[in-house]
Amino acid sequence: MINLLKKLFYYFLLFTGLILSTSHLGDNYMGISDEEGYLLTIGICCLTAFYFEYILPQIRK
């Protein structure tokens, strides 16, 4: 049960990171404003956490 919750959390991080990182695309062709700059930053942080906490341990196994 705990492994399932961990996996759900990691995939939540992945999809949140993807959505937030790409949410500013199409807004004046990559014109990042102050309002959307934080979304990109949070998205990159989520993707980085997913990579270090889920992908790297899977590769090392």
N, C-alpha and C. Protein backbone atom coordinates (compact mmCIF):
# COMPACT_ATOMS: atom_id res chain seq x y z
N MET A 1 0.83 -1.20 0.00
CA MET A 1 0.00 0.00 0.00
C MET A 1 0.87 1.26 0.00
N ILE A 2 1.95 1.25 0.78
CA ILE A 2 2.83 2.42 0.84
C ILE A 2 3.54 2.62 -0.49
N ASN A 3 3.93 1.51 -1.15
CA ASN A 3 4.59 1.63 -2.45
C ASN A 3 3.65 2.24 -3.49
N LEU A 4 2.38 1.88 -3.42
CA LEU A 4 1.40 2.45 -4.34
C LEU A 4 1.25 3.95 -4.10
N LEU A 5 1.19 4.37 -2.85
CA LEU A 5 1.08 5.79 -2.54
C LEU A 5 2.32 6.56 -3.00
N LYS A 6 3.50 5.97 -2.81
CA LYS A 6 4.73 6.61 -3.27
C LYS A 6 4.71 6.77 -4.78
N LYS A 7 4.31 5.70 -5.48
CA LYS A 7 4.28 5.76 -6.94
C LYS A 7 3.27 6.80 -7.41
N LEU A 8 2.11 6.88 -6.79
CA LEU A 8 1.12 7.90 -7.14
C LEU A 8 1.66 9.31 -6.91
N PHE A 9 2.38 9.49 -5.82
CA PHE A 9 2.97 10.79 -5.52
C PHE A 9 4.01 11.17 -6.58
N TYR A 10 4.84 10.22 -6.96
CA TYR A 10 5.87 10.50 -7.96
C TYR A 10 5.25 10.83 -9.31
N TYR A 11 4.20 10.12 -9.69
CA TYR A 11 3.55 10.44 -10.95
C TYR A 11 2.78 11.75 -10.88
N PHE A 12 2.28 12.09 -9.71
CA PHE A 12 1.69 13.41 -9.51
C PHE A 12 2.73 14.49 -9.74
N LEU A 13 3.94 14.29 -9.21
CA LEU A 13 5.03 15.24 -9.44
C LEU A 13 5.35 15.35 -10.93
N LEU A 14 5.39 14.22 -11.61
CA LEU A 14 5.71 14.22 -13.03
C LEU A 14 4.68 15.01 -13.82
N PHE A 15 3.41 14.69 -13.66
CA PHE A 15 2.38 15.35 -14.45
C PHE A 15 2.21 16.82 -14.06
N THR A 16 2.36 17.12 -12.79
CA THR A 16 2.31 18.52 -12.36
C THR A 16 3.45 19.31 -12.98
N GLY A 17 4.63 18.72 -12.97
CA GLY A 17 5.79 19.38 -13.57
C GLY A 17 5.61 19.59 -15.05
N LEU A 18 5.08 18.59 -15.74
CA LEU A 18 4.87 18.74 -17.18
C LEU A 18 3.84 19.80 -17.50
N ILE A 19 2.75 19.79 -16.76
CA ILE A 19 1.68 20.76 -17.01
C ILE A 19 2.15 22.18 -16.70
N LEU A 20 2.81 22.36 -15.58
CA LEU A 20 3.25 23.71 -15.22
C LEU A 20 4.37 24.20 -16.12
N SER A 21 5.25 23.30 -16.55
CA SER A 21 6.36 23.71 -17.40
C SER A 21 5.89 24.12 -18.79
N THR A 22 4.83 23.50 -19.26
CA THR A 22 4.35 23.80 -20.61
C THR A 22 3.14 24.72 -20.62
N SER A 23 2.72 25.21 -19.46
CA SER A 23 1.51 26.02 -19.40
C SER A 23 1.67 27.38 -20.07
N HIS A 24 2.89 27.85 -20.18
CA HIS A 24 3.09 29.16 -20.77
C HIS A 24 3.31 29.09 -22.28
N LEU A 25 3.42 27.90 -22.86
CA LEU A 25 3.60 27.79 -24.30
C LEU A 25 2.36 28.32 -25.01
N GLY A 26 2.57 28.97 -26.09
CA GLY A 26 1.46 29.53 -26.83
C GLY A 26 1.06 30.92 -26.38
N ASP A 27 1.61 31.40 -25.30
CA ASP A 27 1.32 32.75 -24.84
C ASP A 27 2.33 33.69 -25.49
N ASN A 28 1.93 34.25 -26.61
CA ASN A 28 2.78 35.17 -27.37
C ASN A 28 4.11 34.50 -27.74
N TYR A 29 4.03 33.22 -28.10
CA TYR A 29 5.21 32.48 -28.57
C TYR A 29 6.38 32.58 -27.59
N MET A 30 6.19 32.02 -26.44
CA MET A 30 7.21 31.89 -25.39
C MET A 30 7.57 33.21 -24.72
N GLY A 31 6.69 34.17 -24.74
CA GLY A 31 6.93 35.41 -24.02
C GLY A 31 6.55 35.19 -22.56
N ILE A 32 7.53 34.92 -21.70
CA ILE A 32 7.24 34.60 -20.31
C ILE A 32 7.11 35.89 -19.51
N SER A 33 5.97 36.07 -18.90
CA SER A 33 5.75 37.24 -18.07
C SER A 33 6.05 36.88 -16.61
N ASP A 34 6.00 37.86 -15.76
CA ASP A 34 6.26 37.63 -14.35
C ASP A 34 5.22 36.69 -13.75
N GLU A 35 3.99 36.78 -14.24
CA GLU A 35 2.93 35.94 -13.70
C GLU A 35 3.15 34.47 -14.03
N GLU A 36 3.74 34.20 -15.18
CA GLU A 36 3.91 32.82 -15.60
C GLU A 36 5.30 32.29 -15.31
N GLY A 37 6.23 33.14 -14.95
CA GLY A 37 7.58 32.69 -14.66
C GLY A 37 7.63 31.73 -13.48
N TYR A 38 6.79 31.96 -12.49
CA TYR A 38 6.80 31.06 -11.33
C TYR A 38 6.23 29.70 -11.69
N LEU A 39 5.31 29.61 -12.65
CA LEU A 39 4.78 28.31 -13.06
C LEU A 39 5.87 27.46 -13.69
N LEU A 40 6.70 28.07 -14.51
CA LEU A 40 7.81 27.35 -15.12
C LEU A 40 8.79 26.88 -14.06
N THR A 41 9.08 27.72 -13.09
CA THR A 41 10.02 27.36 -12.02
C THR A 41 9.48 26.21 -11.18
N ILE A 42 8.23 26.26 -10.79
CA ILE A 42 7.64 25.18 -10.00
C ILE A 42 7.58 23.90 -10.82
N GLY A 43 7.27 24.01 -12.11
CA GLY A 43 7.25 22.84 -12.98
C GLY A 43 8.60 22.18 -13.09
N ILE A 44 9.65 22.98 -13.24
CA ILE A 44 11.00 22.42 -13.32
C ILE A 44 11.39 21.78 -12.00
N CYS A 45 11.01 22.38 -10.89
CA CYS A 45 11.31 21.78 -9.58
C CYS A 45 10.61 20.43 -9.42
N CYS A 46 9.36 20.33 -9.86
CA CYS A 46 8.63 19.06 -9.78
C CYS A 46 9.29 18.00 -10.65
N LEU A 47 9.68 18.37 -11.86
CA LEU A 47 10.33 17.41 -12.75
C LEU A 47 11.69 16.97 -12.19
N THR A 48 12.42 17.91 -11.58
CA THR A 48 13.72 17.56 -10.99
C THR A 48 13.53 16.61 -9.82
N ALA A 49 12.54 16.87 -8.97
CA ALA A 49 12.27 15.97 -7.84
C ALA A 49 11.87 14.59 -8.33
N PHE A 50 11.05 14.51 -9.38
CA PHE A 50 10.66 13.22 -9.95
C PHE A 50 11.88 12.48 -10.46
N TYR A 51 12.77 13.18 -11.15
CA TYR A 51 13.95 12.56 -11.71
C TYR A 51 14.85 11.99 -10.61
N PHE A 52 15.15 12.80 -9.60
CA PHE A 52 16.08 12.36 -8.57
C PHE A 52 15.48 11.33 -7.62
N GLU A 53 14.20 11.39 -7.37
CA GLU A 53 13.58 10.49 -6.40
C GLU A 53 13.02 9.22 -7.02
N TYR A 54 12.71 9.22 -8.32
CA TYR A 54 12.08 8.04 -8.92
C TYR A 54 12.92 7.44 -10.04
N ILE A 55 13.36 8.26 -10.97
CA ILE A 55 14.07 7.73 -12.14
C ILE A 55 15.46 7.21 -11.76
N LEU A 56 16.24 7.99 -11.05
CA LEU A 56 17.59 7.53 -10.71
C LEU A 56 17.61 6.25 -9.88
N PRO A 57 16.78 6.09 -8.85
CA PRO A 57 16.77 4.79 -8.14
C PRO A 57 16.33 3.63 -9.03
N GLN A 58 15.44 3.88 -10.00
CA GLN A 58 15.03 2.81 -10.92
C GLN A 58 16.16 2.42 -11.83
N ILE A 59 16.97 3.38 -12.26
CA ILE A 59 18.11 3.10 -13.13
C ILE A 59 19.18 2.34 -12.37
N ARG A 60 19.41 2.69 -11.12
CA ARG A 60 20.46 2.06 -10.32
C ARG A 60 20.16 0.63 -9.94
N LYS A 61 18.87 0.23 -9.98
CA LYS A 61 18.51 -1.14 -9.61
C LYS A 61 18.96 -2.13 -10.62
